[in-house]
């Protein structure tokens, strides 16, 4: 499973672009998650003038992961430093039994 990527200037007409996230190098898949445009660079991921897009997602093999893009989602960098081995490691008090970070 992977994350697709589409762009639109009017939210009516869409253009599909190449797959956004598909962590082939880790031999796992991307499940649910969310993304934000970090306009104030609170993540410290920004390089250049574009604010980074930061995504948090559940990986089938690595647990909770974070990736970011500095080119409006054209390319993505997985942040190994912010990767957790399980939900239990990521969220204090979590049982670690759910693939989603609320379990």
PDB file of N, CA and C in Angstrom:
ATOM      1  N   UNK A   1       0.847  -1.162   0.000  1.00  0.00           N
ATOM      2  CA  UNK A   1       0.000   0.000   0.000  1.00  0.00           C
ATOM      3  C   UNK A   1       0.899   1.234   0.000  1.00  0.00           C
ATOM      4  N   UNK A   2       0.456   2.270  -0.648  1.00  0.00           N
ATOM      5  CA  UNK A   2       1.231   3.494  -0.755  1.00  0.00           C
ATOM      6  C   UNK A   2       0.310   4.706  -0.666  1.00  0.00           C
ATOM      7  N   UNK A   3       0.904   5.877  -0.615  1.00  0.00           N
ATOM      8  CA  UNK A   3       0.137   7.118  -0.635  1.00  0.00           C
ATOM      9  C   UNK A   3       0.220   7.724  -2.020  1.00  0.00           C
ATOM     10  N   UNK A   4      -0.921   7.977  -2.622  1.00  0.00           N
ATOM     11  CA  UNK A   4      -0.974   8.637  -3.914  1.00  0.00           C
ATOM     12  C   UNK A   4      -0.810  10.143  -3.744  1.00  0.00           C
ATOM     13  N   UNK A   5      -0.714  10.851  -4.864  1.00  0.00           N
ATOM     14  CA  UNK A   5      -0.528  12.292  -4.823  1.00  0.00           C
ATOM     15  C   UNK A   5      -1.230  12.902  -6.026  1.00  0.00           C
ATOM     16  N   UNK A   6      -2.077  13.890  -5.775  1.00  0.00           N
ATOM     17  CA  UNK A   6      -2.762  14.615  -6.847  1.00  0.00           C
ATOM     18  C   UNK A   6      -2.719  16.105  -6.508  1.00  0.00           C
ATOM     19  N   UNK A   7      -2.742  16.945  -7.532  1.00  0.00           N
ATOM     20  CA  UNK A   7      -2.699  18.396  -7.322  1.00  0.00           C
ATOM     21  C   UNK A   7      -3.863  19.055  -8.060  1.00  0.00           C
ATOM     22  N   UNK A   8      -4.303  20.204  -7.515  1.00  0.00           N
ATOM     23  CA  UNK A   8      -5.391  20.950  -8.120  1.00  0.00           C
ATOM     24  C   UNK A   8      -5.238  22.427  -7.778  1.00  0.00           C
ATOM     25  N   UNK A   9      -5.568  23.271  -8.714  1.00  0.00           N
ATOM     26  CA  UNK A   9      -5.548  24.711  -8.435  1.00  0.00           C
ATOM     27  C   UNK A   9      -6.941  25.224  -8.083  1.00  0.00           C
ATOM     28  N   UNK A  10      -7.991  24.395  -8.329  1.00  0.00           N
ATOM     29  CA  UNK A  10      -9.356  24.847  -8.072  1.00  0.00           C
ATOM     30  C   UNK A  10     -10.198  23.858  -7.253  1.00  0.00           C
ATOM     31  N   UNK A  11      -9.617  22.747  -6.843  1.00  0.00           N
ATOM     32  CA  UNK A  11     -10.281  21.688  -6.077  1.00  0.00           C
ATOM     33  C   UNK A  11     -11.429  21.009  -6.831  1.00  0.00           C
ATOM     34  N   UNK A  12     -11.493  21.240  -8.124  1.00  0.00           N
ATOM     35  CA  UNK A  12     -12.470  20.572  -8.980  1.00  0.00           C
ATOM     36  C   UNK A  12     -11.743  19.687  -9.994  1.00  0.00           C
ATOM     37  N   UNK A  13     -10.740  20.225 -10.640  1.00  0.00           N
ATOM     38  CA  UNK A  13      -9.955  19.502 -11.634  1.00  0.00           C
ATOM     39  C   UNK A  13      -8.648  19.053 -11.005  1.00  0.00           C
ATOM     40  N   UNK A  14      -8.356  17.761 -11.100  1.00  0.00           N
ATOM     41  CA  UNK A  14      -7.194  17.191 -10.426  1.00  0.00           C
ATOM     42  C   UNK A  14      -6.247  16.537 -11.421  1.00  0.00           C
ATOM     43  N   UNK A  15      -4.969  16.595 -11.113  1.00  0.00           N
ATOM     44  CA  UNK A  15      -3.948  15.926 -11.913  1.00  0.00           C
ATOM     45  C   UNK A  15      -3.200  14.962 -10.998  1.00  0.00           C
ATOM     46  N   UNK A  16      -3.202  13.675 -11.378  1.00  0.00           N
ATOM     47  CA  UNK A  16      -2.464  12.692 -10.596  1.00  0.00           C
ATOM     48  C   UNK A  16      -0.974  12.811 -10.902  1.00  0.00           C
ATOM     49  N   UNK A  17      -0.172  12.689  -9.876  1.00  0.00           N
ATOM     50  CA  UNK A  17       1.282  12.721 -10.009  1.00  0.00           C
ATOM     51  C   UNK A  17       1.829  11.376  -9.530  1.00  0.00           C
ATOM     52  N   UNK A  18       3.128  11.140  -9.672  1.00  0.00           N
ATOM     53  CA  UNK A  18       3.679   9.860  -9.204  1.00  0.00           C
ATOM     54  C   UNK A  18       3.403   9.612  -7.718  1.00  0.00           C
ATOM     55  N   UNK A  19       3.475   8.367  -7.319  1.00  0.00           N
ATOM     56  CA  UNK A  19       3.250   7.956  -5.936  1.00  0.00           C
ATOM     57  C   UNK A  19       4.077   8.807  -4.980  1.00  0.00           C
ATOM     58  N   UNK A  20       3.451   9.280  -3.904  1.00  0.00           N
ATOM     59  CA  UNK A  20       4.139  10.142  -2.943  1.00  0.00           C
ATOM     60  C   UNK A  20       4.979   9.325  -1.961  1.00  0.00           C
ATOM     61  N   UNK A  21       4.385   8.396  -1.274  1.00  0.00           N
ATOM     62  CA  UNK A  21       5.103   7.603  -0.280  1.00  0.00           C
ATOM     63  C   UNK A  21       4.929   6.116  -0.557  1.00  0.00           C
ATOM     64  N   UNK A  22       6.033   5.452  -0.737  1.00  0.00           N
ATOM     65  CA  UNK A  22       6.049   4.001  -0.897  1.00  0.00           C
ATOM     66  C   UNK A  22       7.436   3.555  -0.455  1.00  0.00           C
ATOM     67  N   UNK A  23       7.585   3.203   0.822  1.00  0.00           N
ATOM     68  CA  UNK A  23       8.923   2.934   1.379  1.00  0.00           C
ATOM     69  C   UNK A  23       9.505   1.598   0.943  1.00  0.00           C
ATOM     70  N   UNK A  24       9.812   1.477  -0.341  1.00  0.00           N
ATOM     71  CA  UNK A  24      10.360   0.233  -0.880  1.00  0.00           C
ATOM     72  C   UNK A  24      11.644  -0.192  -0.177  1.00  0.00           C
ATOM     73  N   UNK A  25      12.480   0.801   0.185  1.00  0.00           N
ATOM     74  CA  UNK A  25      13.766   0.455   0.795  1.00  0.00           C
ATOM     75  C   UNK A  25      13.597  -0.228   2.151  1.00  0.00           C
ATOM     76  N   UNK A  26      12.434  -0.070   2.787  1.00  0.00           N
ATOM     77  CA  UNK A  26      12.197  -0.710   4.080  1.00  0.00           C
ATOM     78  C   UNK A  26      11.344  -1.961   3.944  1.00  0.00           C
ATOM     79  N   UNK A  27      10.884  -2.280   2.711  1.00  0.00           N
ATOM     80  CA  UNK A  27      10.072  -3.450   2.440  1.00  0.00           C
ATOM     81  C   UNK A  27       8.803  -3.465   3.293  1.00  0.00           C
ATOM     82  N   UNK A  28       8.150  -2.285   3.409  1.00  0.00           N
ATOM     83  CA  UNK A  28       6.882  -2.221   4.123  1.00  0.00           C
ATOM     84  C   UNK A  28       5.925  -1.273   3.414  1.00  0.00           C
ATOM     85  N   UNK A  29       4.743  -1.099   3.975  1.00  0.00           N
ATOM     86  CA  UNK A  29       3.701  -0.296   3.341  1.00  0.00           C
ATOM     87  C   UNK A  29       3.275   0.851   4.238  1.00  0.00           C
ATOM     88  N   UNK A  30       2.668   1.876   3.652  1.00  0.00           N
ATOM     89  CA  UNK A  30       2.121   3.027   4.389  1.00  0.00           C
ATOM     90  C   UNK A  30       0.626   2.829   4.586  1.00  0.00           C
ATOM     91  N   UNK A  31       0.177   2.919   5.822  1.00  0.00           N
ATOM     92  CA  UNK A  31      -1.252   2.885   6.100  1.00  0.00           C
ATOM     93  C   UNK A  31      -1.737   4.285   6.441  1.00  0.00           C
ATOM     94  N   UNK A  32      -2.632   4.412   7.377  1.00  0.00           N
ATOM     95  CA  UNK A  32      -3.261   5.698   7.684  1.00  0.00           C
ATOM     96  C   UNK A  32      -2.260   6.713   8.213  1.00  0.00           C
ATOM     97  N   UNK A  33      -2.625   7.977   8.084  1.00  0.00           N
ATOM     98  CA  UNK A  33      -1.774   9.053   8.569  1.00  0.00           C
ATOM     99  C   UNK A  33      -2.368  10.405   8.236  1.00  0.00           C
ATOM    100  N   UNK A  34      -1.568  11.435   8.398  1.00  0.00           N
ATOM    101  CA  UNK A  34      -2.030  12.785   8.102  1.00  0.00           C
ATOM    102  C   UNK A  34      -0.846  13.644   7.677  1.00  0.00           C
ATOM    103  N   UNK A  35      -1.155  14.814   7.111  1.00  0.00           N
ATOM    104  CA  UNK A  35      -0.114  15.714   6.623  1.00  0.00           C
ATOM    105  C   UNK A  35      -0.467  17.152   6.967  1.00  0.00           C
ATOM    106  N   UNK A  36       0.562  17.965   7.160  1.00  0.00           N
ATOM    107  CA  UNK A  36       0.384  19.401   7.397  1.00  0.00           C
ATOM    108  C   UNK A  36       1.460  20.169   6.633  1.00  0.00           C
ATOM    109  N   UNK A  37       1.144  21.400   6.261  1.00  0.00           N
ATOM    110  CA  UNK A  37       2.152  22.318   5.740  1.00  0.00           C
ATOM    111  C   UNK A  37       2.668  23.085   6.954  1.00  0.00           C
ATOM    112  N   UNK A  38       3.935  22.933   7.246  1.00  0.00           N
ATOM    113  CA  UNK A  38       4.557  23.520   8.436  1.00  0.00           C
ATOM    114  C   UNK A  38       5.035  24.948   8.123  1.00  0.00           C
ATOM    115  N   UNK A  39       4.097  25.879   8.054  1.00  0.00           N
ATOM    116  CA  UNK A  39       4.398  27.246   7.625  1.00  0.00           C
ATOM    117  C   UNK A  39       5.360  27.984   8.551  1.00  0.00           C
ATOM    118  N   UNK A  40       5.431  27.590   9.823  1.00  0.00           N
ATOM    119  CA  UNK A  40       6.345  28.244  10.766  1.00  0.00           C
ATOM    120  C   UNK A  40       7.611  27.416  11.015  1.00  0.00           C
ATOM    121  N   UNK A  41       7.789  26.342  10.261  1.00  0.00           N
ATOM    122  CA  UNK A  41       8.956  25.460  10.368  1.00  0.00           C
ATOM    123  C   UNK A  41       9.202  24.984  11.799  1.00  0.00           C
ATOM    124  N   UNK A  42       8.151  24.635  12.488  1.00  0.00           N
ATOM    125  CA  UNK A  42       8.306  24.112  13.852  1.00  0.00           C
ATOM    126  C   UNK A  42       9.002  22.755  13.861  1.00  0.00           C
ATOM    127  N   UNK A  43       9.018  22.067  12.739  1.00  0.00           N
ATOM    128  CA  UNK A  43       9.685  20.767  12.624  1.00  0.00           C
ATOM    129  C   UNK A  43      11.187  20.908  12.378  1.00  0.00           C
ATOM    130  N   UNK A  44      11.623  22.072  11.944  1.00  0.00           N
ATOM    131  CA  UNK A  44      13.025  22.330  11.557  1.00  0.00           C
ATOM    132  C   UNK A  44      13.444  21.537  10.324  1.00  0.00           C
ATOM    133  N   UNK A  45      12.496  21.105   9.497  1.00  0.00           N
ATOM    134  CA  UNK A  45      12.804  20.352   8.288  1.00  0.00           C
ATOM    135  C   UNK A  45      12.993  21.252   7.064  1.00  0.00           C
ATOM    136  N   UNK A  46      12.630  22.527   7.161  1.00  0.00           N
ATOM    137  CA  UNK A  46      12.674  23.402   5.993  1.00  0.00           C
ATOM    138  C   UNK A  46      14.088  23.607   5.482  1.00  0.00           C
ATOM    139  N   UNK A  47      14.214  23.494   4.149  1.00  0.00           N
ATOM    140  CA  UNK A  47      15.458  23.798   3.446  1.00  0.00           C
ATOM    141  C   UNK A  47      15.062  24.663   2.260  1.00  0.00           C
ATOM    142  N   UNK A  48      15.531  25.889   2.195  1.00  0.00           N
ATOM    143  CA  UNK A  48      15.123  26.787   1.128  1.00  0.00           C
ATOM    144  C   UNK A  48      13.944  27.638   1.548  1.00  0.00           C
ATOM    145  N   UNK A  49      13.171  28.099   0.562  1.00  0.00           N
ATOM    146  CA  UNK A  49      12.093  29.051   0.844  1.00  0.00           C
ATOM    147  C   UNK A  49      10.720  28.406   1.013  1.00  0.00           C
ATOM    148  N   UNK A  50      10.534  27.212   0.487  1.00  0.00           N
ATOM    149  CA  UNK A  50       9.239  26.533   0.603  1.00  0.00           C
ATOM    150  C   UNK A  50       9.044  25.966   2.010  1.00  0.00           C
ATOM    151  N   UNK A  51       7.865  26.172   2.639  1.00  0.00           N
ATOM    152  CA  UNK A  51       7.624  25.507   3.924  1.00  0.00           C
ATOM    153  C   UNK A  51       7.503  23.997   3.703  1.00  0.00           C
ATOM    154  N   UNK A  52       7.998  23.193   4.631  1.00  0.00           N
ATOM    155  CA  UNK A  52       7.920  21.748   4.444  1.00  0.00           C
ATOM    156  C   UNK A  52       6.500  21.215   4.637  1.00  0.00           C
ATOM    157  N   UNK A  53       6.204  20.135   3.942  1.00  0.00           N
ATOM    158  CA  UNK A  53       4.997  19.353   4.215  1.00  0.00           C
ATOM    159  C   UNK A  53       5.475  18.194   5.076  1.00  0.00           C
ATOM    160  N   UNK A  54       4.846  18.006   6.226  1.00  0.00           N
ATOM    161  CA  UNK A  54       5.251  16.959   7.162  1.00  0.00           C
ATOM    162  C   UNK A  54       4.114  15.947   7.268  1.00  0.00           C
ATOM    163  N   UNK A  55       4.445  14.663   7.111  1.00  0.00           N
ATOM    164  CA  UNK A  55       3.447  13.604   7.210  1.00  0.00           C
ATOM    165  C   UNK A  55       3.817  12.640   8.339  1.00  0.00           C
ATOM    166  N   UNK A  56       2.810  12.184   9.033  1.00  0.00           N
ATOM    167  CA  UNK A  56       2.962  11.122  10.030  1.00  0.00           C
ATOM    168  C   UNK A  56       2.086   9.973   9.548  1.00  0.00           C
ATOM    169  N   UNK A  57       2.654   8.774   9.497  1.00  0.00           N
ATOM    170  CA  UNK A  57       1.900   7.640   8.983  1.00  0.00           C
ATOM    171  C   UNK A  57       2.292   6.366   9.714  1.00  0.00           C
ATOM    172  N   UNK A  58       1.427   5.381   9.617  1.00  0.00           N
ATOM    173  CA  UNK A  58       1.685   4.074  10.200  1.00  0.00           C
ATOM    174  C   UNK A  58       2.280   3.169   9.132  1.00  0.00           C
ATOM    175  N   UNK A  59       3.441   2.601   9.430  1.00  0.00           N
ATOM    176  CA  UNK A  59       4.130   1.681   8.536  1.00  0.00           C
ATOM    177  C   UNK A  59       3.852   0.248   8.995  1.00  0.00           C
ATOM    178  N   UNK A  60       3.705  -0.667   8.046  1.00  0.00           N
ATOM    179  CA  UNK A  60       3.424  -2.054   8.414  1.00  0.00           C
ATOM    180  C   UNK A  60       4.611  -2.724   9.090  1.00  0.00           C
ATOM    181  N   UNK A  61       5.818  -2.254   8.825  1.00  0.00           N
ATOM    182  CA  UNK A  61       6.999  -2.906   9.397  1.00  0.00           C
ATOM    183  C   UNK A  61       7.712  -2.107  10.460  1.00  0.00           C
ATOM    184  N   UNK A  62       7.486  -0.782  10.507  1.00  0.00           N
ATOM    185  CA  UNK A  62       8.272   0.062  11.401  1.00  0.00           C
ATOM    186  C   UNK A  62       7.456   0.818  12.424  1.00  0.00           C
ATOM    187  N   UNK A  63       6.141   0.711  12.393  1.00  0.00           N
ATOM    188  CA  UNK A  63       5.317   1.451  13.345  1.00  0.00           C
ATOM    189  C   UNK A  63       5.069   2.870  12.866  1.00  0.00           C
ATOM    190  N   UNK A  64       5.046   3.811  13.790  1.00  0.00           N
ATOM    191  CA  UNK A  64       4.759   5.205  13.458  1.00  0.00           C
ATOM    192  C   UNK A  64       5.983   5.861  12.825  1.00  0.00           C
ATOM    193  N   UNK A  65       5.780   6.571  11.711  1.00  0.00           N
ATOM    194  CA  UNK A  65       6.885   7.184  10.975  1.00  0.00           C
ATOM    195  C   UNK A  65       6.559   8.628  10.614  1.00  0.00           C
ATOM    196  N   UNK A  66       7.592   9.396  10.353  1.00  0.00           N
ATOM    197  CA  UNK A  66       7.453  10.775   9.903  1.00  0.00           C
ATOM    198  C   UNK A  66       8.313  10.950   8.653  1.00  0.00           C
ATOM    199  N   UNK A  67       7.751  11.640   7.668  1.00  0.00           N
ATOM    200  CA  UNK A  67       8.490  11.986   6.452  1.00  0.00           C
ATOM    201  C   UNK A  67       8.168  13.439   6.129  1.00  0.00           C
ATOM    202  N   UNK A  68       8.999  14.052   5.284  1.00  0.00           N
ATOM    203  CA  UNK A  68       8.742  15.446   4.918  1.00  0.00           C
ATOM    204  C   UNK A  68       9.179  15.726   3.490  1.00  0.00           C
ATOM    205  N   UNK A  69       8.626  16.817   2.952  1.00  0.00           N
ATOM    206  CA  UNK A  69       8.958  17.256   1.599  1.00  0.00           C
ATOM    207  C   UNK A  69       9.263  18.744   1.625  1.00  0.00           C
ATOM    208  N   UNK A  70      10.287  19.135   0.901  1.00  0.00           N
ATOM    209  CA  UNK A  70      10.633  20.550   0.764  1.00  0.00           C
ATOM    210  C   UNK A  70      10.347  21.077  -0.637  1.00  0.00           C
ATOM    211  N   UNK A  71       9.659  20.288  -1.453  1.00  0.00           N
ATOM    212  CA  UNK A  71       9.380  20.710  -2.826  1.00  0.00           C
ATOM    213  C   UNK A  71       7.914  20.483  -3.191  1.00  0.00           C
ATOM    214  N   UNK A  72       7.037  20.844  -2.264  1.00  0.00           N
ATOM    215  CA  UNK A  72       5.582  20.745  -2.467  1.00  0.00           C
ATOM    216  C   UNK A  72       5.097  19.328  -2.739  1.00  0.00           C
ATOM    217  N   UNK A  73       5.769  18.351  -2.171  1.00  0.00           N
ATOM    218  CA  UNK A  73       5.334  16.971  -2.287  1.00  0.00           C
ATOM    219  C   UNK A  73       5.861  16.220  -3.486  1.00  0.00           C
ATOM    220  N   UNK A  74       6.798  16.794  -4.207  1.00  0.00           N
ATOM    221  CA  UNK A  74       7.373  16.086  -5.357  1.00  0.00           C
ATOM    222  C   UNK A  74       8.263  14.931  -4.909  1.00  0.00           C
ATOM    223  N   UNK A  75       9.061  15.152  -3.871  1.00  0.00           N
ATOM    224  CA  UNK A  75       9.921  14.108  -3.308  1.00  0.00           C
ATOM    225  C   UNK A  75       9.767  14.115  -1.793  1.00  0.00           C
ATOM    226  N   UNK A  76      10.076  12.975  -1.177  1.00  0.00           N
ATOM    227  CA  UNK A  76       9.898  12.815   0.270  1.00  0.00           C
ATOM    228  C   UNK A  76      11.146  12.230   0.902  1.00  0.00           C
ATOM    229  N   UNK A  77      11.409  12.647   2.136  1.00  0.00           N
ATOM    230  CA  UNK A  77      12.525  12.100   2.900  1.00  0.00           C
ATOM    231  C   UNK A  77      11.964  11.490   4.183  1.00  0.00           C
ATOM    232  N   UNK A  78      12.269  10.226   4.395  1.00  0.00           N
ATOM    233  CA  UNK A  78      11.854   9.535   5.616  1.00  0.00           C
ATOM    234  C   UNK A  78      12.838   9.903   6.719  1.00  0.00           C
ATOM    235  N   UNK A  79      12.327  10.266   7.874  1.00  0.00           N
ATOM    236  CA  UNK A  79      13.203  10.685   8.968  1.00  0.00           C
ATOM    237  C   UNK A  79      13.432   9.528   9.921  1.00  0.00           C
ATOM    238  N   UNK A  80      14.524   8.849   9.773  1.00  0.00           N
ATOM    239  CA  UNK A  80      14.828   7.701  10.629  1.00  0.00           C
ATOM    240  C   UNK A  80      14.921   8.099  12.094  1.00  0.00           C
ATOM    241  N   UNK A  81      15.347   9.321  12.368  1.00  0.00           N
ATOM    242  CA  UNK A  81      15.503   9.771  13.755  1.00  0.00           C
ATOM    243  C   UNK A  81      14.172   9.879  14.478  1.00  0.00           C
ATOM    244  N   UNK A  82      13.069  10.057  13.739  1.00  0.00           N
ATOM    245  CA  UNK A  82      11.766  10.211  14.375  1.00  0.00           C
ATOM    246  C   UNK A  82      10.888   8.990  14.171  1.00  0.00           C
ATOM    247  N   UNK A  83      11.481   7.861  13.895  1.00  0.00           N
ATOM    248  CA  UNK A  83      10.756   6.614  13.674  1.00  0.00           C
ATOM    249  C   UNK A  83      10.676   5.858  15.006  1.00  0.00           C
ATOM    250  N   UNK A  84       9.521   5.294  15.296  1.00  0.00           N
ATOM    251  CA  UNK A  84       9.345   4.516  16.514  1.00  0.00           C
ATOM    252  C   UNK A  84       9.097   3.069  16.142  1.00  0.00           C
ATOM    253  N   UNK A  85       9.503   2.160  17.000  1.00  0.00           N
ATOM    254  CA  UNK A  85       9.329   0.750  16.679  1.00  0.00           C
ATOM    255  C   UNK A  85       7.921   0.257  16.939  1.00  0.00           C
ATOM    256  N   UNK A  86       7.158   0.966  17.774  1.00  0.00           N
ATOM    257  CA  UNK A  86       5.779   0.566  18.026  1.00  0.00           C
ATOM    258  C   UNK A  86       5.008   1.750  18.568  1.00  0.00           C
ATOM    259  N   UNK A  87       3.685   1.622  18.568  1.00  0.00           N
ATOM    260  CA  UNK A  87       2.843   2.663  19.139  1.00  0.00           C
ATOM    261  C   UNK A  87       3.178   2.851  20.612  1.00  0.00           C
ATOM    262  N   UNK A  88       3.500   1.786  21.312  1.00  0.00           N
ATOM    263  CA  UNK A  88       3.840   1.869  22.731  1.00  0.00           C
ATOM    264  C   UNK A  88       5.035   2.791  22.946  1.00  0.00           C
ATOM    265  N   UNK A  89       6.043   2.741  22.043  1.00  0.00           N
ATOM    266  CA  UNK A  89       7.208   3.614  22.158  1.00  0.00           C
ATOM    267  C   UNK A  89       6.858   5.066  21.859  1.00  0.00           C
ATOM    268  N   UNK A  90       5.908   5.278  20.954  1.00  0.00           N
ATOM    269  CA  UNK A  90       5.587   6.626  20.510  1.00  0.00           C
ATOM    270  C   UNK A  90       4.683   7.369  21.476  1.00  0.00           C
ATOM    271  N   UNK A  91       3.766   6.655  22.126  1.00  0.00           N
ATOM    272  CA  UNK A  91       2.771   7.304  22.974  1.00  0.00           C
ATOM    273  C   UNK A  91       2.812   6.686  24.364  1.00  0.00           C
ATOM    274  N   UNK A  92       3.293   7.444  25.359  1.00  0.00           N
ATOM    275  CA  UNK A  92       3.332   6.910  26.721  1.00  0.00           C
ATOM    276  C   UNK A  92       1.942   6.463  27.177  1.00  0.00           C
ATOM    277  N   UNK A  93       1.871   5.313  27.793  1.00  0.00           N
ATOM    278  CA  UNK A  93       0.604   4.795  28.289  1.00  0.00           C
ATOM    279  C   UNK A  93      -0.175   3.990  27.264  1.00  0.00           C
ATOM    280  N   UNK A  94       0.314   3.927  26.008  1.00  0.00           N
ATOM    281  CA  UNK A  94      -0.379   3.179  24.979  1.00  0.00           C
ATOM    282  C   UNK A  94      -0.114   1.679  25.164  1.00  0.00           C
ATOM    283  N   UNK A  95      -1.097   0.875  24.781  1.00  0.00           N
ATOM    284  CA  UNK A  95      -0.931  -0.573  24.874  1.00  0.00           C
ATOM    285  C   UNK A  95       0.004  -1.101  23.803  1.00  0.00           C
ATOM    286  N   UNK A  96       0.130  -0.356  22.677  1.00  0.00           N
ATOM    287  CA  UNK A  96       0.982  -0.813  21.591  1.00  0.00           C
ATOM    288  C   UNK A  96       0.383  -1.921  20.762  1.00  0.00           C
ATOM    289  N   UNK A  97      -0.910  -2.235  20.969  1.00  0.00           N
ATOM    290  CA  UNK A  97      -1.531  -3.346  20.246  1.00  0.00           C
ATOM    291  C   UNK A  97      -2.276  -2.909  19.001  1.00  0.00           C
ATOM    292  N   UNK A  98      -2.457  -1.605  18.803  1.00  0.00           N
ATOM    293  CA  UNK A  98      -3.193  -1.111  17.650  1.00  0.00           C
ATOM    294  C   UNK A  98      -2.238  -0.586  16.597  1.00  0.00           C
ATOM    295  N   UNK A  99      -2.550  -0.752  15.298  1.00  0.00           N
ATOM    296  CA  UNK A  99      -1.698  -0.191  14.255  1.00  0.00           C
ATOM    297  C   UNK A  99      -1.880   1.309  14.147  1.00  0.00           C
ATOM    298  N   UNK A 100      -2.976   1.859  14.677  1.00  0.00           N
ATOM    299  CA  UNK A 100      -3.184   3.301  14.673  1.00  0.00           C
ATOM    300  C   UNK A 100      -2.675   3.885  15.977  1.00  0.00           C
ATOM    301  N   UNK A 101      -2.224   5.117  15.923  1.00  0.00           N
ATOM    302  CA  UNK A 101      -1.553   5.705  17.075  1.00  0.00           C
ATOM    303  C   UNK A 101      -2.500   6.101  18.201  1.00  0.00           C
ATOM    304  N   UNK A 102      -3.782   5.723  18.133  1.00  0.00           N
ATOM    305  CA  UNK A 102      -4.723   6.013  19.209  1.00  0.00           C
ATOM    306  C   UNK A 102      -4.945   4.805  20.103  1.00  0.00           C
ATOM    307  N   UNK A 103      -4.355   3.661  19.747  1.00  0.00           N
ATOM    308  CA  UNK A 103      -4.620   2.420  20.475  1.00  0.00           C
ATOM    309  C   UNK A 103      -3.774   2.196  21.681  1.00  0.00           C
TER     310      UNK A 103
END
